[in-house]
PDB file of all heavy atoms in Angstrom:
ATOM      1  N   LEU A   1      48.118 -47.573 147.697  1.00  0.00           N
ATOM      2  CA  LEU A   1      48.755 -48.168 146.520  1.00  0.00           C
ATOM      3  C   LEU A   1      47.859 -48.038 145.285  1.00  0.00           C
ATOM      4  O   LEU A   1      48.328 -47.661 144.211  1.00  0.00           O
ATOM      5  CB  LEU A   1      49.122 -49.631 146.766  1.00  0.00           C
ATOM      6  CG  LEU A   1      49.844 -50.345 145.621  1.00  0.00           C
ATOM      7  CD1 LEU A   1      51.124 -49.604 145.210  1.00  0.00           C
ATOM      8  CD2 LEU A   1      50.169 -51.787 146.016  1.00  0.00           C
ATOM      9  N   ALA A   2      46.582 -48.305 145.426  1.00  0.00           N
ATOM     10  CA  ALA A   2      45.662 -48.239 144.281  1.00  0.00           C
ATOM     11  C   ALA A   2      45.613 -46.830 143.689  1.00  0.00           C
ATOM     12  O   ALA A   2      45.530 -46.672 142.462  1.00  0.00           O
ATOM     13  CB  ALA A   2      44.264 -48.684 144.706  1.00  0.00           C
ATOM     14  N   SER A   3      45.681 -45.816 144.535  1.00  0.00           N
ATOM     15  CA  SER A   3      45.605 -44.438 144.040  1.00  0.00           C
ATOM     16  C   SER A   3      46.807 -44.080 143.174  1.00  0.00           C
ATOM     17  O   SER A   3      46.714 -43.205 142.317  1.00  0.00           O
ATOM     18  CB  SER A   3      45.470 -43.459 145.203  1.00  0.00           C
ATOM     19  OG  SER A   3      46.653 -43.443 145.985  1.00  0.00           O
ATOM     20  N   GLN A   4      47.921 -44.772 143.339  1.00  0.00           N
ATOM     21  CA  GLN A   4      49.104 -44.526 142.520  1.00  0.00           C
ATOM     22  C   GLN A   4      48.887 -44.993 141.077  1.00  0.00           C
ATOM     23  O   GLN A   4      49.621 -44.596 140.184  1.00  0.00           O
ATOM     24  CB  GLN A   4      50.325 -45.214 143.142  1.00  0.00           C
ATOM     25  CG  GLN A   4      50.692 -44.645 144.494  1.00  0.00           C
ATOM     26  CD  GLN A   4      51.753 -45.462 145.198  1.00  0.00           C
ATOM     27  OE1 GLN A   4      52.570 -46.135 144.576  1.00  0.00           O
ATOM     28  NE2 GLN A   4      51.749 -45.419 146.523  1.00  0.00           N
ATOM     29  N   PHE A   5      47.880 -45.831 140.872  1.00  0.00           N
ATOM     30  CA  PHE A   5      47.568 -46.354 139.537  1.00  0.00           C
ATOM     31  C   PHE A   5      46.183 -45.931 139.066  1.00  0.00           C
ATOM     32  O   PHE A   5      45.765 -46.304 137.977  1.00  0.00           O
ATOM     33  CB  PHE A   5      47.688 -47.883 139.526  1.00  0.00           C
ATOM     34  CG  PHE A   5      49.060 -48.363 139.885  1.00  0.00           C
ATOM     35  CD1 PHE A   5      49.353 -48.773 141.180  1.00  0.00           C
ATOM     36  CD2 PHE A   5      50.078 -48.365 138.945  1.00  0.00           C
ATOM     37  CE1 PHE A   5      50.630 -49.194 141.520  1.00  0.00           C
ATOM     38  CE2 PHE A   5      51.348 -48.777 139.281  1.00  0.00           C
ATOM     39  CZ  PHE A   5      51.631 -49.187 140.568  1.00  0.00           C
ATOM     40  N   GLY A   6      45.474 -45.203 139.898  1.00  0.00           N
ATOM     41  CA  GLY A   6      44.133 -44.755 139.537  1.00  0.00           C
ATOM     42  C   GLY A   6      43.147 -45.902 139.384  1.00  0.00           C
ATOM     43  O   GLY A   6      42.290 -45.878 138.499  1.00  0.00           O
ATOM     44  N   VAL A   7      43.275 -46.914 140.257  1.00  0.00           N
ATOM     45  CA  VAL A   7      42.401 -48.083 140.168  1.00  0.00           C
ATOM     46  C   VAL A   7      41.664 -48.280 141.484  1.00  0.00           C
ATOM     47  O   VAL A   7      41.969 -47.666 142.498  1.00  0.00           O
ATOM     48  CB  VAL A   7      43.195 -49.361 139.804  1.00  0.00           C
ATOM     49  CG1 VAL A   7      43.882 -49.200 138.459  1.00  0.00           C
ATOM     50  CG2 VAL A   7      44.195 -49.731 140.889  1.00  0.00           C
ATOM     51  N   GLY A   8      40.716 -49.204 141.462  1.00  0.00           N
ATOM     52  CA  GLY A   8      39.949 -49.513 142.656  1.00  0.00           C
ATOM     53  C   GLY A   8      40.720 -50.386 143.619  1.00  0.00           C
ATOM     54  O   GLY A   8      41.743 -50.981 143.273  1.00  0.00           O
ATOM     55  N   CYS A   9      40.203 -50.439 144.828  1.00  0.00           N
ATOM     56  CA  CYS A   9      40.831 -51.261 145.858  1.00  0.00           C
ATOM     57  C   CYS A   9      39.749 -51.884 146.733  1.00  0.00           C
ATOM     58  O   CYS A   9      38.592 -51.458 146.715  1.00  0.00           O
ATOM     59  CB  CYS A   9      41.792 -50.426 146.689  1.00  0.00           C
ATOM     60  SG  CYS A   9      41.000 -49.092 147.616  1.00  0.00           S
ATOM     61  N   THR A  10      40.153 -52.883 147.488  1.00  0.00           N
ATOM     62  CA  THR A  10      39.224 -53.543 148.393  1.00  0.00           C
ATOM     63  C   THR A  10      40.001 -54.195 149.532  1.00  0.00           C
ATOM     64  O   THR A  10      41.191 -54.477 149.409  1.00  0.00           O
ATOM     65  CB  THR A  10      38.374 -54.608 147.666  1.00  0.00           C
ATOM     66  OG1 THR A  10      37.402 -55.129 148.577  1.00  0.00           O
ATOM     67  CG2 THR A  10      39.226 -55.737 147.114  1.00  0.00           C
ATOM     68  N   ASN A  11      39.295 -54.411 150.631  1.00  0.00           N
ATOM     69  CA  ASN A  11      39.831 -55.227 151.721  1.00  0.00           C
ATOM     70  C   ASN A  11      38.933 -56.441 151.949  1.00  0.00           C
ATOM     71  O   ASN A  11      38.997 -57.100 152.959  1.00  0.00           O
ATOM     72  CB  ASN A  11      39.995 -54.412 153.003  1.00  0.00           C
ATOM     73  CG  ASN A  11      38.674 -53.918 153.562  1.00  0.00           C
ATOM     74  OD1 ASN A  11      37.648 -53.917 152.875  1.00  0.00           O
ATOM     75  ND2 ASN A  11      38.693 -53.478 154.804  1.00  0.00           N
ATOM     76  N   ASN A  12      38.100 -56.730 150.956  1.00  0.00           N
ATOM     77  CA  ASN A  12      37.154 -57.831 151.013  1.00  0.00           C
ATOM     78  C   ASN A  12      37.440 -58.780 149.845  1.00  0.00           C
ATOM     79  O   ASN A  12      37.247 -58.411 148.685  1.00  0.00           O
ATOM     80  CB  ASN A  12      35.732 -57.259 150.920  1.00  0.00           C
ATOM     81  CG  ASN A  12      34.675 -58.321 151.052  1.00  0.00           C
ATOM     82  OD1 ASN A  12      34.919 -59.508 150.849  1.00  0.00           O
ATOM     83  ND2 ASN A  12      33.463 -57.889 151.389  1.00  0.00           N
ATOM     84  N   LEU A  13      37.869 -59.989 150.154  1.00  0.00           N
ATOM     85  CA  LEU A  13      38.225 -60.942 149.092  1.00  0.00           C
ATOM     86  C   LEU A  13      37.050 -61.273 148.183  1.00  0.00           C
ATOM     87  O   LEU A  13      37.247 -61.577 147.007  1.00  0.00           O
ATOM     88  CB  LEU A  13      38.790 -62.232 149.697  1.00  0.00           C
ATOM     89  CG  LEU A  13      40.211 -62.131 150.250  1.00  0.00           C
ATOM     90  CD1 LEU A  13      40.597 -63.424 150.941  1.00  0.00           C
ATOM     91  CD2 LEU A  13      41.186 -61.798 149.145  1.00  0.00           C
ATOM     92  N   SER A  14      35.832 -61.197 148.683  1.00  0.00           N
ATOM     93  CA  SER A  14      34.685 -61.501 147.828  1.00  0.00           C
ATOM     94  C   SER A  14      34.464 -60.421 146.768  1.00  0.00           C
ATOM     95  O   SER A  14      33.733 -60.643 145.807  1.00  0.00           O
ATOM     96  CB  SER A  14      33.418 -61.693 148.662  1.00  0.00           C
ATOM     97  OG  SER A  14      33.038 -60.469 149.270  1.00  0.00           O
ATOM     98  N   LEU A  15      35.118 -59.258 146.933  1.00  0.00           N
ATOM     99  CA  LEU A  15      35.011 -58.182 145.948  1.00  0.00           C
ATOM    100  C   LEU A  15      36.221 -58.123 145.014  1.00  0.00           C
ATOM    101  O   LEU A  15      36.355 -57.194 144.221  1.00  0.00           O
ATOM    102  CB  LEU A  15      34.838 -56.836 146.652  1.00  0.00           C
ATOM    103  CG  LEU A  15      33.580 -56.701 147.517  1.00  0.00           C
ATOM    104  CD1 LEU A  15      33.556 -55.355 148.228  1.00  0.00           C
ATOM    105  CD2 LEU A  15      32.323 -56.910 146.680  1.00  0.00           C
ATOM    106  N   LEU A  16      37.078 -59.128 145.106  1.00  0.00           N
ATOM    107  CA  LEU A  16      38.258 -59.170 144.246  1.00  0.00           C
ATOM    108  C   LEU A  16      37.842 -59.426 142.808  1.00  0.00           C
ATOM    109  O   LEU A  16      37.016 -60.298 142.532  1.00  0.00           O
ATOM    110  CB  LEU A  16      39.199 -60.288 144.720  1.00  0.00           C
ATOM    111  CG  LEU A  16      40.641 -60.188 144.292  1.00  0.00           C
ATOM    112  CD1 LEU A  16      41.326 -58.999 144.964  1.00  0.00           C
ATOM    113  CD2 LEU A  16      41.372 -61.471 144.650  1.00  0.00           C
ATOM    114  N   ARG A  17      38.409 -58.651 141.901  1.00  0.00           N
ATOM    115  CA  ARG A  17      38.122 -58.849 140.476  1.00  0.00           C
ATOM    116  C   ARG A  17      38.593 -60.239 140.055  1.00  0.00           C
ATOM    117  O   ARG A  17      39.655 -60.691 140.461  1.00  0.00           O
ATOM    118  CB  ARG A  17      38.837 -57.801 139.639  1.00  0.00           C
ATOM    119  CG  ARG A  17      38.301 -56.397 139.833  1.00  0.00           C
ATOM    120  CD  ARG A  17      39.073 -55.425 139.008  1.00  0.00           C
ATOM    121  NE  ARG A  17      38.868 -55.747 137.591  1.00  0.00           N
ATOM    122  CZ  ARG A  17      38.899 -54.861 136.615  1.00  0.00           C
ATOM    123  NH1 ARG A  17      39.148 -53.599 136.881  1.00  0.00           N
ATOM    124  NH2 ARG A  17      38.702 -55.217 135.367  1.00  0.00           N
ATOM    125  N   THR A  18      37.831 -60.861 139.204  1.00  0.00           N
ATOM    126  CA  THR A  18      38.206 -62.190 138.708  1.00  0.00           C
ATOM    127  C   THR A  18      38.481 -62.173 137.212  1.00  0.00           C
ATOM    128  O   THR A  18      38.675 -63.226 136.608  1.00  0.00           O
ATOM    129  CB  THR A  18      37.097 -63.222 139.017  1.00  0.00           C
ATOM    130  OG1 THR A  18      35.878 -62.784 138.414  1.00  0.00           O
ATOM    131  CG2 THR A  18      36.921 -63.413 140.507  1.00  0.00           C
ATOM    132  N   ASP A  19      38.545 -60.980 136.628  1.00  0.00           N
ATOM    133  CA  ASP A  19      38.740 -60.875 135.181  1.00  0.00           C
ATOM    134  C   ASP A  19      40.164 -60.487 134.784  1.00  0.00           C
ATOM    135  O   ASP A  19      40.453 -60.310 133.612  1.00  0.00           O
ATOM    136  CB  ASP A  19      37.751 -59.874 134.576  1.00  0.00           C
ATOM    137  CG  ASP A  19      37.910 -58.466 135.144  1.00  0.00           C
ATOM    138  OD1 ASP A  19      38.540 -58.301 136.218  1.00  0.00           O
ATOM    139  OD2 ASP A  19      37.380 -57.527 134.525  1.00  0.00           O
ATOM    140  N   ALA A  20      41.065 -60.376 135.752  1.00  0.00           N
ATOM    141  CA  ALA A  20      42.461 -60.056 135.431  1.00  0.00           C
ATOM    142  C   ALA A  20      43.160 -61.302 134.897  1.00  0.00           C
ATOM    143  O   ALA A  20      42.684 -62.428 135.066  1.00  0.00           O
ATOM    144  CB  ALA A  20      43.189 -59.520 136.657  1.00  0.00           C
ATOM    145  N   ASP A  21      44.312 -61.097 134.272  1.00  0.00           N
ATOM    146  CA  ASP A  21      45.092 -62.211 133.740  1.00  0.00           C
ATOM    147  C   ASP A  21      46.033 -62.803 134.780  1.00  0.00           C
ATOM    148  O   ASP A  21      46.305 -64.006 134.784  1.00  0.00           O
ATOM    149  CB  ASP A  21      45.936 -61.741 132.548  1.00  0.00           C
ATOM    150  CG  ASP A  21      45.083 -61.128 131.457  1.00  0.00           C
ATOM    151  OD1 ASP A  21      44.177 -61.825 130.961  1.00  0.00           O
ATOM    152  OD2 ASP A  21      45.306 -59.951 131.118  1.00  0.00           O
ATOM    153  N   ILE A  22      46.558 -61.915 135.656  1.00  0.00           N
ATOM    154  CA  ILE A  22      47.624 -62.293 136.580  1.00  0.00           C
ATOM    155  C   ILE A  22      47.306 -61.740 137.962  1.00  0.00           C
ATOM    156  O   ILE A  22      46.847 -60.600 138.095  1.00  0.00           O
ATOM    157  CB  ILE A  22      48.982 -61.749 136.084  1.00  0.00           C
ATOM    158  CG1 ILE A  22      49.300 -62.328 134.704  1.00  0.00           C
ATOM    159  CG2 ILE A  22      50.098 -62.046 137.081  1.00  0.00           C
ATOM    160  CD1 ILE A  22      50.383 -61.605 133.948  1.00  0.00           C
ATOM    161  N   TYR A  23      47.608 -62.540 138.982  1.00  0.00           N
ATOM    162  CA  TYR A  23      47.392 -62.145 140.370  1.00  0.00           C
ATOM    163  C   TYR A  23      48.714 -62.289 141.117  1.00  0.00           C
ATOM    164  O   TYR A  23      49.287 -63.380 141.164  1.00  0.00           O
ATOM    165  CB  TYR A  23      46.310 -63.015 141.019  1.00  0.00           C
ATOM    166  CG  TYR A  23      44.955 -62.764 140.399  1.00  0.00           C
ATOM    167  CD1 TYR A  23      44.629 -63.301 139.158  1.00  0.00           C
ATOM    168  CD2 TYR A  23      44.032 -61.952 141.038  1.00  0.00           C
ATOM    169  CE1 TYR A  23      43.406 -63.047 138.561  1.00  0.00           C
ATOM    170  CE2 TYR A  23      42.794 -61.686 140.446  1.00  0.00           C
ATOM    171  CZ  TYR A  23      42.501 -62.233 139.215  1.00  0.00           C
ATOM    172  OH  TYR A  23      41.290 -61.967 138.618  1.00  0.00           O
ATOM    173  N   ILE A  24      49.186 -61.161 141.660  1.00  0.00           N
ATOM    174  CA  ILE A  24      50.430 -61.149 142.430  1.00  0.00           C
ATOM    175  C   ILE A  24      50.068 -61.210 143.907  1.00  0.00           C
ATOM    176  O   ILE A  24      49.371 -60.334 144.412  1.00  0.00           O
ATOM    177  CB  ILE A  24      51.256 -59.880 142.162  1.00  0.00           C
ATOM    178  CG1 ILE A  24      51.620 -59.763 140.687  1.00  0.00           C
ATOM    179  CG2 ILE A  24      52.497 -59.858 143.057  1.00  0.00           C
ATOM    180  CD1 ILE A  24      52.312 -58.444 140.338  1.00  0.00           C
ATOM    181  N   PHE A  25      50.560 -62.226 144.608  1.00  0.00           N
ATOM    182  CA  PHE A  25      50.340 -62.376 146.039  1.00  0.00           C
ATOM    183  C   PHE A  25      51.612 -61.925 146.762  1.00  0.00           C
ATOM    184  O   PHE A  25      52.527 -62.719 146.965  1.00  0.00           O
ATOM    185  CB  PHE A  25      50.015 -63.827 146.388  1.00  0.00           C
ATOM    186  CG  PHE A  25      48.679 -64.282 145.897  1.00  0.00           C
ATOM    187  CD1 PHE A  25      48.476 -64.606 144.558  1.00  0.00           C
ATOM    188  CD2 PHE A  25      47.613 -64.380 146.769  1.00  0.00           C
ATOM    189  CE1 PHE A  25      47.241 -65.023 144.100  1.00  0.00           C
ATOM    190  CE2 PHE A  25      46.364 -64.796 146.315  1.00  0.00           C
ATOM    191  CZ  PHE A  25      46.181 -65.115 144.978  1.00  0.00           C
ATOM    192  N   ALA A  26      51.659 -60.659 147.113  1.00  0.00           N
ATOM    193  CA  ALA A  26      52.814 -60.102 147.826  1.00  0.00           C
ATOM    194  C   ALA A  26      52.367 -59.774 149.243  1.00  0.00           C
ATOM    195  O   ALA A  26      52.175 -58.617 149.615  1.00  0.00           O
ATOM    196  CB  ALA A  26      53.339 -58.867 147.108  1.00  0.00           C
ATOM    197  N   ILE A  27      52.162 -60.838 150.006  1.00  0.00           N
ATOM    198  CA  ILE A  27      51.633 -60.730 151.363  1.00  0.00           C
ATOM    199  C   ILE A  27      52.495 -61.569 152.290  1.00  0.00           C
ATOM    200  O   ILE A  27      53.376 -62.307 151.833  1.00  0.00           O
ATOM    201  CB  ILE A  27      50.157 -61.189 151.413  1.00  0.00           C
ATOM    202  CG1 ILE A  27      49.997 -62.601 150.842  1.00  0.00           C
ATOM    203  CG2 ILE A  27      49.268 -60.207 150.659  1.00  0.00           C
ATOM    204  CD1 ILE A  27      48.579 -63.143 150.859  1.00  0.00           C
ATOM    205  N   SER A  28      52.227 -61.483 153.588  1.00  0.00           N
ATOM    206  CA  SER A  28      53.023 -62.243 154.549  1.00  0.00           C
ATOM    207  C   SER A  28      52.859 -63.739 154.295  1.00  0.00           C
ATOM    208  O   SER A  28      51.838 -64.195 153.762  1.00  0.00           O
ATOM    209  CB  SER A  28      52.602 -61.901 155.979  1.00  0.00           C
ATOM    210  OG  SER A  28      51.324 -62.444 156.253  1.00  0.00           O
ATOM    211  N   ASP A  29      53.865 -64.488 154.693  1.00  0.00           N
ATOM    212  CA  ASP A  29      53.841 -65.941 154.480  1.00  0.00           C
ATOM    213  C   ASP A  29      52.608 -66.570 155.124  1.00  0.00           C
ATOM    214  O   ASP A  29      51.960 -67.418 154.521  1.00  0.00           O
ATOM    215  CB  ASP A  29      55.109 -66.577 155.038  1.00  0.00           C
ATOM    216  CG  ASP A  29      56.353 -66.186 154.252  1.00  0.00           C
ATOM    217  OD1 ASP A  29      56.229 -65.473 153.229  1.00  0.00           O
ATOM    218  OD2 ASP A  29      57.459 -66.587 154.666  1.00  0.00           O
ATOM    219  N   ASP A  30      52.275 -66.166 156.332  1.00  0.00           N
ATOM    220  CA  ASP A  30      51.109 -66.729 157.015  1.00  0.00           C
ATOM    221  C   ASP A  30      49.822 -66.426 156.267  1.00  0.00           C
ATOM    222  O   ASP A  30      48.936 -67.267 156.158  1.00  0.00           O
ATOM    223  CB  ASP A  30      51.010 -66.189 158.446  1.00  0.00           C
ATOM    224  CG  ASP A  30      52.139 -66.683 159.331  1.00  0.00           C
ATOM    225  OD1 ASP A  30      52.727 -67.744 159.006  1.00  0.00           O
ATOM    226  OD2 ASP A  30      52.437 -66.025 160.337  1.00  0.00           O
ATOM    227  N   ALA A  31      49.712 -65.209 155.749  1.00  0.00           N
ATOM    228  CA  ALA A  31      48.496 -64.807 155.030  1.00  0.00           C
ATOM    229  C   ALA A  31      48.314 -65.602 153.737  1.00  0.00           C
ATOM    230  O   ALA A  31      47.177 -65.816 153.298  1.00  0.00           O
ATOM    231  CB  ALA A  31      48.528 -63.317 154.743  1.00  0.00           C
ATOM    232  N   LEU A  32      49.408 -66.052 153.135  1.00  0.00           N
ATOM    233  CA  LEU A  32      49.310 -66.855 151.905  1.00  0.00           C
ATOM    234  C   LEU A  32      48.458 -68.101 152.132  1.00  0.00           C
ATOM    235  O   LEU A  32      47.608 -68.439 151.309  1.00  0.00           O
ATOM    236  CB  LEU A  32      50.696 -67.281 151.421  1.00  0.00           C
ATOM    237  CG  LEU A  32      51.440 -66.308 150.545  1.00  0.00           C
ATOM    238  CD1 LEU A  32      52.881 -66.764 150.346  1.00  0.00           C
ATOM    239  CD2 LEU A  32      50.750 -66.144 149.206  1.00  0.00           C
ATOM    240  N   PHE A  33      48.689 -68.769 153.242  1.00  0.00           N
ATOM    241  CA  PHE A  33      47.952 -69.997 153.532  1.00  0.00           C
ATOM    242  C   PHE A  33      46.470 -69.707 153.751  1.00  0.00           C
ATOM    243  O   PHE A  33      45.609 -70.444 153.289  1.00  0.00           O
ATOM    244  CB  PHE A  33      48.552 -70.703 154.747  1.00  0.00           C
ATOM    245  CG  PHE A  33      49.924 -71.247 154.490  1.00  0.00           C
ATOM    246  CD1 PHE A  33      51.053 -70.547 154.885  1.00  0.00           C
ATOM    247  CD2 PHE A  33      50.097 -72.454 153.824  1.00  0.00           C
ATOM    248  CE1 PHE A  33      52.324 -71.046 154.638  1.00  0.00           C
ATOM    249  CE2 PHE A  33      51.363 -72.964 153.566  1.00  0.00           C
ATOM    250  CZ  PHE A  33      52.476 -72.255 153.975  1.00  0.00           C
ATOM    251  N   ASP A  34      46.166 -68.604 154.442  1.00  0.00           N
ATOM    252  CA  ASP A  34      44.766 -68.250 154.709  1.00  0.00           C
ATOM    253  C   ASP A  34      44.025 -67.863 153.437  1.00  0.00           C
ATOM    254  O   ASP A  34      42.908 -68.317 153.193  1.00  0.00           O
ATOM    255  CB  ASP A  34      44.692 -67.095 155.720  1.00  0.00           C
ATOM    256  CG  ASP A  34      45.223 -67.495 157.087  1.00  0.00           C
ATOM    257  OD1 ASP A  34      45.227 -68.705 157.398  1.00  0.00           O
ATOM    258  OD2 ASP A  34      45.645 -66.597 157.841  1.00  0.00           O
ATOM    259  N   ILE A  35      44.638 -67.017 152.624  1.00  0.00           N
ATOM    260  CA  ILE A  35      43.971 -66.542 151.410  1.00  0.00           C
ATOM    261  C   ILE A  35      43.771 -67.670 150.409  1.00  0.00           C
ATOM    262  O   ILE A  35      42.767 -67.715 149.699  1.00  0.00           O
ATOM    263  CB  ILE A  35      44.741 -65.353 150.796  1.00  0.00           C
ATOM    264  CG1 ILE A  35      44.485 -64.117 151.652  1.00  0.00           C
ATOM    265  CG2 ILE A  35      44.342 -65.104 149.353  1.00  0.00           C
ATOM    266  CD1 ILE A  35      45.139 -62.855 151.163  1.00  0.00           C
ATOM    267  N   ALA A  36      44.703 -68.599 150.371  1.00  0.00           N
ATOM    268  CA  ALA A  36      44.592 -69.709 149.427  1.00  0.00           C
ATOM    269  C   ALA A  36      43.336 -70.539 149.681  1.00  0.00           C
ATOM    270  O   ALA A  36      42.807 -71.169 148.763  1.00  0.00           O
ATOM    271  CB  ALA A  36      45.833 -70.597 149.500  1.00  0.00           C
ATOM    272  N   LEU A  37      42.842 -70.501 150.888  1.00  0.00           N
ATOM    273  CA  LEU A  37      41.633 -71.258 151.207  1.00  0.00           C
ATOM    274  C   LEU A  37      40.370 -70.533 150.759  1.00  0.00           C
ATOM    275  O   LEU A  37      39.311 -71.140 150.619  1.00  0.00           O
ATOM    276  CB  LEU A  37      41.567 -71.512 152.716  1.00  0.00           C
ATOM    277  CG  LEU A  37      42.725 -72.331 153.297  1.00  0.00           C
ATOM    278  CD1 LEU A  37      42.615 -72.388 154.816  1.00  0.00           C
ATOM    279  CD2 LEU A  37      42.748 -73.729 152.707  1.00  0.00           C
ATOM    280  N   ASP A  38      40.474 -69.225 150.558  1.00  0.00           N
ATOM    281  CA  ASP A  38      39.288 -68.406 150.285  1.00  0.00           C
ATOM    282  C   ASP A  38      39.068 -68.051 148.819  1.00  0.00           C
ATOM    283  O   ASP A  38      38.007 -67.555 148.467  1.00  0.00           O
ATOM    284  CB  ASP A  38      39.369 -67.096 151.083  1.00  0.00           C
ATOM    285  CG  ASP A  38      39.285 -67.342 152.576  1.00  0.00           C
ATOM    286  OD1 ASP A  38      38.662 -68.331 152.982  1.00  0.00           O
ATOM    287  OD2 ASP A  38      39.849 -66.537 153.336  1.00  0.00           O
ATOM    288  N   LEU A  39      40.057 -68.251 147.969  1.00  0.00           N
ATOM    289  CA  LEU A  39      39.951 -67.804 146.579  1.00  0.00           C
ATOM    290  C   LEU A  39      39.896 -68.969 145.602  1.00  0.00           C
ATOM    291  O   LEU A  39      40.560 -69.983 145.804  1.00  0.00           O
ATOM    292  CB  LEU A  39      41.160 -66.936 146.205  1.00  0.00           C
ATOM    293  CG  LEU A  39      41.208 -65.534 146.759  1.00  0.00           C
ATOM    294  CD1 LEU A  39      42.510 -64.854 146.333  1.00  0.00           C
ATOM    295  CD2 LEU A  39      40.023 -64.721 146.289  1.00  0.00           C
ATOM    296  N   LYS A  40      39.163 -68.766 144.547  1.00  0.00           N
ATOM    297  CA  LYS A  40      39.155 -69.694 143.410  1.00  0.00           C
ATOM    298  C   LYS A  40      39.232 -68.830 142.160  1.00  0.00           C
ATOM    299  O   LYS A  40      38.344 -68.037 141.884  1.00  0.00           O
ATOM    300  CB  LYS A  40      37.878 -70.535 143.384  1.00  0.00           C
ATOM    301  CG  LYS A  40      37.690 -71.402 144.608  1.00  0.00           C
ATOM    302  CD  LYS A  40      38.698 -72.522 144.678  1.00  0.00           C
ATOM    303  CE  LYS A  40      38.440 -73.439 145.855  1.00  0.00           C
ATOM    304  NZ  LYS A  40      39.440 -73.374 146.887  1.00  0.00           N
TER     305      LYS A  40
END
């Protein structure tokens, strides 16, 4: 997906950019609960 926009990607939440304006969470319902605990 990232290559379609020429941007970086990660599978590590600690490497998630924090300088964007908007974050789209288009993941499974179960994963929403898990990720919500790991991000600020």
